[in-house]
């Protein structure tokens, strides 16, 4: 389980690096529906970040297999459910991630277009957004479900995780990241572009550390 945990942690880090690369703006404004933060993203950042994130994101399947094995003593059904929901969440998440490049390109094209074309491009931007943004909200709901199921299992004391592990479940860390952006925007502006991945780097990392301890104790 240690190797799968390490692979998942490193994979989540790389996806986060990709997402940060093509979304970070020192001005923030990630919550805006105008997507003006993409004007601060160069074409090379957009391309590198897009392909890095999309191509590495399937490693999340390994991560949720690892988590499922750590939860398995609490029951095979619960373990399988966490794995299935987690994998489905990130299958949808990767579709969302791959669609960000379209939003960015339209924003940048609108900025450079003659005035008579800007309304048309603005309407196109909103149409793309309507098909892209709901996906990340679905992912967040599914991660909430995964976190609740995991918390219930962990708190029962029947998993490989210590009870304090509920503090590093993805939904907890995701909420903390959004709270940081709201309260400390100077710090949050660095965290929010890759919030979901940061949450999973910490979660998978702690899980790997716990798995390593179990392995050492059994040897």
C-alpha atoms as a PDB file:
ATOM      1  CA  UNK A   1       0.000   0.000   0.000  1.00  0.00           C
ATOM      2  CA  UNK A   2       2.963   2.290   0.512  1.00  0.00           C
ATOM      3  CA  UNK A   3       3.911   2.299  -3.186  1.00  0.00           C
ATOM      4  CA  UNK A   4       0.379   3.083  -4.321  1.00  0.00           C
ATOM      5  CA  UNK A   5       0.201   5.846  -1.724  1.00  0.00           C
ATOM      6  CA  UNK A   6       3.462   7.367  -2.931  1.00  0.00           C
ATOM      7  CA  UNK A   7       2.306   7.189  -6.557  1.00  0.00           C
ATOM      8  CA  UNK A   8      -0.994   8.842  -5.637  1.00  0.00           C
ATOM      9  CA  UNK A   9       0.671  11.602  -3.621  1.00  0.00           C
ATOM     10  CA  UNK A  10       3.146  12.403  -6.390  1.00  0.00           C
ATOM     11  CA  UNK A  11       0.401  12.208  -9.027  1.00  0.00           C
ATOM     12  CA  UNK A  12      -1.849  14.620  -7.113  1.00  0.00           C
ATOM     13  CA  UNK A  13       1.121  16.965  -6.756  1.00  0.00           C
ATOM     14  CA  UNK A  14       1.762  16.934 -10.511  1.00  0.00           C
ATOM     15  CA  UNK A  15      -1.908  17.515 -11.351  1.00  0.00           C
ATOM     16  CA  UNK A  16      -1.908  20.393  -8.891  1.00  0.00           C
ATOM     17  CA  UNK A  17       1.245  21.792 -10.482  1.00  0.00           C
ATOM     18  CA  UNK A  18      -0.464  21.637 -13.875  1.00  0.00           C
ATOM     19  CA  UNK A  19      -3.645  23.260 -12.644  1.00  0.00           C
ATOM     20  CA  UNK A  20      -1.689  25.978 -10.833  1.00  0.00           C
ATOM     21  CA  UNK A  21       0.417  26.635 -13.928  1.00  0.00           C
ATOM     22  CA  UNK A  22      -2.554  27.388 -16.178  1.00  0.00           C
ATOM     23  CA  UNK A  23      -4.791  29.118 -13.610  1.00  0.00           C
ATOM     24  CA  UNK A  24      -2.644  31.148 -11.219  1.00  0.00           C
ATOM     25  CA  UNK A  25      -3.053  34.912 -11.322  1.00  0.00           C
ATOM     26  CA  UNK A  26      -1.500  37.265  -8.759  1.00  0.00           C
ATOM     27  CA  UNK A  27      -4.732  39.292  -8.923  1.00  0.00           C
ATOM     28  CA  UNK A  28      -6.911  36.349  -7.946  1.00  0.00           C
ATOM     29  CA  UNK A  29     -10.515  36.690  -9.006  1.00  0.00           C
ATOM     30  CA  UNK A  30     -10.950  32.936  -9.502  1.00  0.00           C
ATOM     31  CA  UNK A  31     -14.554  33.163  -8.350  1.00  0.00           C
ATOM     32  CA  UNK A  32     -15.502  35.561 -11.156  1.00  0.00           C
ATOM     33  CA  UNK A  33     -17.631  34.348 -14.044  1.00  0.00           C
ATOM     34  CA  UNK A  34     -15.718  36.602 -16.439  1.00  0.00           C
ATOM     35  CA  UNK A  35     -12.547  34.466 -16.084  1.00  0.00           C
ATOM     36  CA  UNK A  36     -10.347  37.548 -16.407  1.00  0.00           C
ATOM     37  CA  UNK A  37      -7.596  35.827 -14.442  1.00  0.00           C
ATOM     38  CA  UNK A  38      -6.831  33.868 -17.613  1.00  0.00           C
ATOM     39  CA  UNK A  39      -5.508  37.103 -19.119  1.00  0.00           C
ATOM     40  CA  UNK A  40      -2.517  36.719 -16.797  1.00  0.00           C
ATOM     41  CA  UNK A  41      -1.730  33.258 -18.152  1.00  0.00           C
ATOM     42  CA  UNK A  42       0.768  33.040 -20.992  1.00  0.00           C
ATOM     43  CA  UNK A  43       0.228  30.606 -23.838  1.00  0.00           C
ATOM     44  CA  UNK A  44       3.106  28.359 -22.739  1.00  0.00           C
ATOM     45  CA  UNK A  45       1.685  28.169 -19.206  1.00  0.00           C
ATOM     46  CA  UNK A  46      -1.729  27.314 -20.590  1.00  0.00           C
ATOM     47  CA  UNK A  47      -0.356  24.530 -22.800  1.00  0.00           C
ATOM     48  CA  UNK A  48       2.054  23.003 -20.279  1.00  0.00           C
ATOM     49  CA  UNK A  49      -0.432  23.156 -17.415  1.00  0.00           C
ATOM     50  CA  UNK A  50      -3.264  21.726 -19.499  1.00  0.00           C
ATOM     51  CA  UNK A  51      -1.373  18.658 -20.697  1.00  0.00           C
ATOM     52  CA  UNK A  52       0.394  18.032 -17.377  1.00  0.00           C
ATOM     53  CA  UNK A  53      -2.870  18.086 -15.457  1.00  0.00           C
ATOM     54  CA  UNK A  54      -4.984  16.092 -17.901  1.00  0.00           C
ATOM     55  CA  UNK A  55      -2.412  13.392 -18.609  1.00  0.00           C
ATOM     56  CA  UNK A  56      -1.530  12.741 -14.958  1.00  0.00           C
ATOM     57  CA  UNK A  57      -5.042  12.989 -13.474  1.00  0.00           C
ATOM     58  CA  UNK A  58      -5.869   9.262 -14.027  1.00  0.00           C
ATOM     59  CA  UNK A  59      -3.359   8.492 -11.254  1.00  0.00           C
ATOM     60  CA  UNK A  60      -6.144   9.505  -8.865  1.00  0.00           C
ATOM     61  CA  UNK A  61      -7.609   6.063  -9.533  1.00  0.00           C
ATOM     62  CA  UNK A  62      -4.523   4.568  -7.892  1.00  0.00           C
ATOM     63  CA  UNK A  63      -5.016   6.947  -4.992  1.00  0.00           C
ATOM     64  CA  UNK A  64      -8.562   5.856  -4.334  1.00  0.00           C
ATOM     65  CA  UNK A  65      -7.600   2.202  -4.655  1.00  0.00           C
ATOM     66  CA  UNK A  66      -5.019   2.875  -1.928  1.00  0.00           C
ATOM     67  CA  UNK A  67      -7.620   4.603   0.267  1.00  0.00           C
ATOM     68  CA  UNK A  68     -10.087   1.767  -0.292  1.00  0.00           C
ATOM     69  CA  UNK A  69      -7.505  -0.762   0.906  1.00  0.00           C
ATOM     70  CA  UNK A  70      -6.831   1.315   4.018  1.00  0.00           C
ATOM     71  CA  UNK A  71     -10.566   1.351   4.749  1.00  0.00           C
ATOM     72  CA  UNK A  72     -11.138  -2.295   3.868  1.00  0.00           C
ATOM     73  CA  UNK A  73     -11.197  -3.654   7.464  1.00  0.00           C
ATOM     74  CA  UNK A  74     -14.384  -1.600   8.004  1.00  0.00           C
ATOM     75  CA  UNK A  75     -16.131  -3.644   5.318  1.00  0.00           C
ATOM     76  CA  UNK A  76     -15.724  -4.624   1.684  1.00  0.00           C
ATOM     77  CA  UNK A  77     -18.906  -2.848   0.604  1.00  0.00           C
ATOM     78  CA  UNK A  78     -17.881   0.481   2.104  1.00  0.00           C
ATOM     79  CA  UNK A  79     -14.371   0.106   0.706  1.00  0.00           C
ATOM     80  CA  UNK A  80     -15.722  -0.591  -2.785  1.00  0.00           C
ATOM     81  CA  UNK A  81     -18.148   2.321  -2.539  1.00  0.00           C
ATOM     82  CA  UNK A  82     -15.398   4.783  -1.611  1.00  0.00           C
ATOM     83  CA  UNK A  83     -13.277   3.508  -4.490  1.00  0.00           C
ATOM     84  CA  UNK A  84     -16.135   3.708  -6.990  1.00  0.00           C
ATOM     85  CA  UNK A  85     -17.295   7.187  -5.976  1.00  0.00           C
ATOM     86  CA  UNK A  86     -13.716   8.493  -5.826  1.00  0.00           C
ATOM     87  CA  UNK A  87     -12.825   7.185  -9.283  1.00  0.00           C
ATOM     88  CA  UNK A  88     -16.081   8.480 -10.774  1.00  0.00           C
ATOM     89  CA  UNK A  89     -15.479  11.888  -9.184  1.00  0.00           C
ATOM     90  CA  UNK A  90     -12.089  12.261 -10.793  1.00  0.00           C
ATOM     91  CA  UNK A  91     -13.229  10.918 -14.143  1.00  0.00           C
ATOM     92  CA  UNK A  92     -15.658  13.837 -14.175  1.00  0.00           C
ATOM     93  CA  UNK A  93     -12.984  16.097 -12.725  1.00  0.00           C
ATOM     94  CA  UNK A  94     -10.623  15.359 -15.579  1.00  0.00           C
ATOM     95  CA  UNK A  95     -13.308  16.300 -18.109  1.00  0.00           C
ATOM     96  CA  UNK A  96     -13.719  19.591 -16.239  1.00  0.00           C
ATOM     97  CA  UNK A  97      -9.956  20.104 -16.145  1.00  0.00           C
ATOM     98  CA  UNK A  98      -9.604  19.501 -19.875  1.00  0.00           C
ATOM     99  CA  UNK A  99     -12.332  22.036 -20.600  1.00  0.00           C
ATOM    100  CA  UNK A 100     -10.576  24.933 -18.860  1.00  0.00           C
ATOM    101  CA  UNK A 101      -8.316  25.516 -21.847  1.00  0.00           C
ATOM    102  CA  UNK A 102     -11.353  26.411 -23.988  1.00  0.00           C
ATOM    103  CA  UNK A 103     -12.434  29.058 -21.491  1.00  0.00           C
ATOM    104  CA  UNK A 104      -8.941  30.526 -21.352  1.00  0.00           C
ATOM    105  CA  UNK A 105      -8.549  30.690 -25.120  1.00  0.00           C
ATOM    106  CA  UNK A 106     -11.899  32.420 -25.586  1.00  0.00           C
ATOM    107  CA  UNK A 107     -11.091  34.958 -22.853  1.00  0.00           C
ATOM    108  CA  UNK A 108      -7.773  35.758 -24.498  1.00  0.00           C
ATOM    109  CA  UNK A 109      -9.327  35.900 -27.971  1.00  0.00           C
ATOM    110  CA  UNK A 110     -12.046  38.265 -26.748  1.00  0.00           C
ATOM    111  CA  UNK A 111      -9.421  40.576 -25.274  1.00  0.00           C
ATOM    112  CA  UNK A 112      -7.616  40.800 -28.630  1.00  0.00           C
ATOM    113  CA  UNK A 113     -10.724  40.885 -30.857  1.00  0.00           C
ATOM    114  CA  UNK A 114     -12.228  43.985 -32.467  1.00  0.00           C
ATOM    115  CA  UNK A 115     -15.091  45.538 -30.480  1.00  0.00           C
ATOM    116  CA  UNK A 116     -17.764  44.204 -32.851  1.00  0.00           C
ATOM    117  CA  UNK A 117     -16.748  40.602 -32.088  1.00  0.00           C
ATOM    118  CA  UNK A 118     -16.429  40.880 -28.324  1.00  0.00           C
ATOM    119  CA  UNK A 119     -20.118  40.344 -27.576  1.00  0.00           C
ATOM    120  CA  UNK A 120     -20.168  37.182 -29.685  1.00  0.00           C
ATOM    121  CA  UNK A 121     -17.085  35.839 -27.917  1.00  0.00           C
ATOM    122  CA  UNK A 122     -18.578  36.810 -24.567  1.00  0.00           C
ATOM    123  CA  UNK A 123     -21.690  34.777 -25.336  1.00  0.00           C
ATOM    124  CA  UNK A 124     -19.532  31.840 -26.423  1.00  0.00           C
ATOM    125  CA  UNK A 125     -17.616  32.100 -23.152  1.00  0.00           C
ATOM    126  CA  UNK A 126     -20.827  31.896 -21.139  1.00  0.00           C
ATOM    127  CA  UNK A 127     -22.026  28.893 -23.154  1.00  0.00           C
ATOM    128  CA  UNK A 128     -18.770  27.029 -22.517  1.00  0.00           C
ATOM    129  CA  UNK A 129     -18.923  27.976 -18.846  1.00  0.00           C
ATOM    130  CA  UNK A 130     -22.458  26.583 -18.503  1.00  0.00           C
ATOM    131  CA  UNK A 131     -21.173  23.215 -19.720  1.00  0.00           C
ATOM    132  CA  UNK A 132     -17.965  23.272 -17.666  1.00  0.00           C
ATOM    133  CA  UNK A 133     -18.676  24.722 -14.209  1.00  0.00           C
ATOM    134  CA  UNK A 134     -21.407  22.241 -13.169  1.00  0.00           C
ATOM    135  CA  UNK A 135     -18.847  19.444 -13.477  1.00  0.00           C
ATOM    136  CA  UNK A 136     -16.609  20.759 -10.694  1.00  0.00           C
ATOM    137  CA  UNK A 137     -19.627  21.186  -8.440  1.00  0.00           C
ATOM    138  CA  UNK A 138     -20.511  17.532  -9.039  1.00  0.00           C
ATOM    139  CA  UNK A 139     -16.930  16.593  -8.146  1.00  0.00           C
ATOM    140  CA  UNK A 140     -17.156  18.561  -4.893  1.00  0.00           C
ATOM    141  CA  UNK A 141     -20.403  16.835  -3.931  1.00  0.00           C
ATOM    142  CA  UNK A 142     -18.888  13.420  -4.663  1.00  0.00           C
ATOM    143  CA  UNK A 143     -15.788  14.244  -2.608  1.00  0.00           C
ATOM    144  CA  UNK A 144     -18.112  15.267   0.216  1.00  0.00           C
ATOM    145  CA  UNK A 145     -19.775  11.845  -0.049  1.00  0.00           C
ATOM    146  CA  UNK A 146     -16.388  10.081  -0.056  1.00  0.00           C
ATOM    147  CA  UNK A 147     -15.249  12.095   2.949  1.00  0.00           C
ATOM    148  CA  UNK A 148     -18.427  11.365   4.927  1.00  0.00           C
ATOM    149  CA  UNK A 149     -18.176   7.641   4.220  1.00  0.00           C
ATOM    150  CA  UNK A 150     -14.492   7.641   5.117  1.00  0.00           C
ATOM    151  CA  UNK A 151     -15.080   9.653   8.289  1.00  0.00           C
ATOM    152  CA  UNK A 152     -17.772   7.222   9.435  1.00  0.00           C
ATOM    153  CA  UNK A 153     -15.494   4.245   8.829  1.00  0.00           C
ATOM    154  CA  UNK A 154     -12.428   5.850  10.405  1.00  0.00           C
ATOM    155  CA  UNK A 155     -14.342   6.988  13.485  1.00  0.00           C
ATOM    156  CA  UNK A 156     -15.599   3.429  13.976  1.00  0.00           C
ATOM    157  CA  UNK A 157     -12.005   2.407  14.672  1.00  0.00           C
ATOM    158  CA  UNK A 158     -12.180  -0.512  12.247  1.00  0.00           C
ATOM    159  CA  UNK A 159      -9.880   0.827   9.508  1.00  0.00           C
ATOM    160  CA  UNK A 160      -6.113   1.110   9.221  1.00  0.00           C
ATOM    161  CA  UNK A 161      -6.398   4.847   9.906  1.00  0.00           C
ATOM    162  CA  UNK A 162      -6.115   6.420  13.364  1.00  0.00           C
ATOM    163  CA  UNK A 163      -9.202   8.428  14.306  1.00  0.00           C
ATOM    164  CA  UNK A 164      -7.407  11.762  13.995  1.00  0.00           C
ATOM    165  CA  UNK A 165      -7.158  11.110  10.232  1.00  0.00           C
ATOM    166  CA  UNK A 166     -10.654  12.580   9.828  1.00  0.00           C
ATOM    167  CA  UNK A 167      -8.968  15.994  10.165  1.00  0.00           C
ATOM    168  CA  UNK A 168      -7.177  15.535   6.820  1.00  0.00           C
ATOM    169  CA  UNK A 169     -10.077  14.207   4.768  1.00  0.00           C
ATOM    170  CA  UNK A 170     -10.314  16.013   1.395  1.00  0.00           C
ATOM    171  CA  UNK A 171     -13.526  17.942   2.102  1.00  0.00           C
ATOM    172  CA  UNK A 172     -12.091  19.322   5.347  1.00  0.00           C
ATOM    173  CA  UNK A 173      -8.943  20.570   3.618  1.00  0.00           C
ATOM    174  CA  UNK A 174     -10.926  21.902   0.664  1.00  0.00           C
ATOM    175  CA  UNK A 175     -13.126  23.998   2.970  1.00  0.00           C
ATOM    176  CA  UNK A 176     -10.020  25.282   4.776  1.00  0.00           C
ATOM    177  CA  UNK A 177      -8.478  26.333   1.454  1.00  0.00           C
ATOM    178  CA  UNK A 178     -11.571  28.308   0.432  1.00  0.00           C
ATOM    179  CA  UNK A 179     -11.724  29.865   3.904  1.00  0.00           C
ATOM    180  CA  UNK A 180      -8.078  30.912   3.581  1.00  0.00           C
ATOM    181  CA  UNK A 181      -8.820  32.579   0.243  1.00  0.00           C
ATOM    182  CA  UNK A 182     -11.683  34.510   1.838  1.00  0.00           C
ATOM    183  CA  UNK A 183      -9.858  35.546   5.030  1.00  0.00           C
ATOM    184  CA  UNK A 184      -6.235  35.739   3.850  1.00  0.00           C
ATOM    185  CA  UNK A 185      -6.427  36.426   0.099  1.00  0.00           C
ATOM    186  CA  UNK A 186      -2.689  37.092  -0.133  1.00  0.00           C
ATOM    187  CA  UNK A 187      -2.095  33.459   0.778  1.00  0.00           C
ATOM    188  CA  UNK A 188      -5.288  32.034  -0.668  1.00  0.00           C
ATOM    189  CA  UNK A 189      -4.500  33.346  -4.136  1.00  0.00           C
ATOM    190  CA  UNK A 190      -1.647  30.817  -4.247  1.00  0.00           C
ATOM    191  CA  UNK A 191      -3.725  27.922  -2.932  1.00  0.00           C
ATOM    192  CA  UNK A 192      -7.081  28.181  -4.683  1.00  0.00           C
ATOM    193  CA  UNK A 193      -5.978  27.381  -8.273  1.00  0.00           C
ATOM    194  CA  UNK A 194      -5.080  23.834  -7.167  1.00  0.00           C
ATOM    195  CA  UNK A 195      -7.303  23.507  -4.080  1.00  0.00           C
ATOM    196  CA  UNK A 196      -8.635  20.011  -4.781  1.00  0.00           C
ATOM    197  CA  UNK A 197      -5.160  18.698  -5.530  1.00  0.00           C
ATOM    198  CA  UNK A 198      -3.620  20.279  -2.440  1.00  0.00           C
ATOM    199  CA  UNK A 199      -6.276  18.570  -0.339  1.00  0.00           C
ATOM    200  CA  UNK A 200      -5.421  15.220  -1.900  1.00  0.00           C
ATOM    201  CA  UNK A 201      -1.648  15.656  -1.676  1.00  0.00           C
ATOM    202  CA  UNK A 202      -2.057  16.057   2.081  1.00  0.00           C
ATOM    203  CA  UNK A 203      -4.648  13.272   2.374  1.00  0.00           C
ATOM    204  CA  UNK A 204      -2.722  10.766   0.259  1.00  0.00           C
ATOM    205  CA  UNK A 205       0.544  11.789   1.930  1.00  0.00           C
ATOM    206  CA  UNK A 206      -0.795  11.184   5.436  1.00  0.00           C
ATOM    207  CA  UNK A 207      -2.368   7.923   4.281  1.00  0.00           C
ATOM    208  CA  UNK A 208       0.983   6.778   2.886  1.00  0.00           C
ATOM    209  CA  UNK A 209       2.717   7.674   6.147  1.00  0.00           C
ATOM    210  CA  UNK A 210       0.151   5.653   8.108  1.00  0.00           C
ATOM    211  CA  UNK A 211       0.555   2.719   5.690  1.00  0.00           C
ATOM    212  CA  UNK A 212       4.348   2.866   6.095  1.00  0.00           C
ATOM    213  CA  UNK A 213       3.938   2.684   9.860  1.00  0.00           C
ATOM    214  CA  UNK A 214       1.710  -0.369   9.524  1.00  0.00           C
ATOM    215  CA  UNK A 215       4.253  -2.020   7.236  1.00  0.00           C
ATOM    216  CA  UNK A 216       7.106  -1.354   9.659  1.00  0.00           C
ATOM    217  CA  UNK A 217       5.106  -2.703  12.590  1.00  0.00           C
ATOM    218  CA  UNK A 218       4.251  -5.907  10.749  1.00  0.00           C
ATOM    219  CA  UNK A 219       7.834  -6.610   9.634  1.00  0.00           C
END
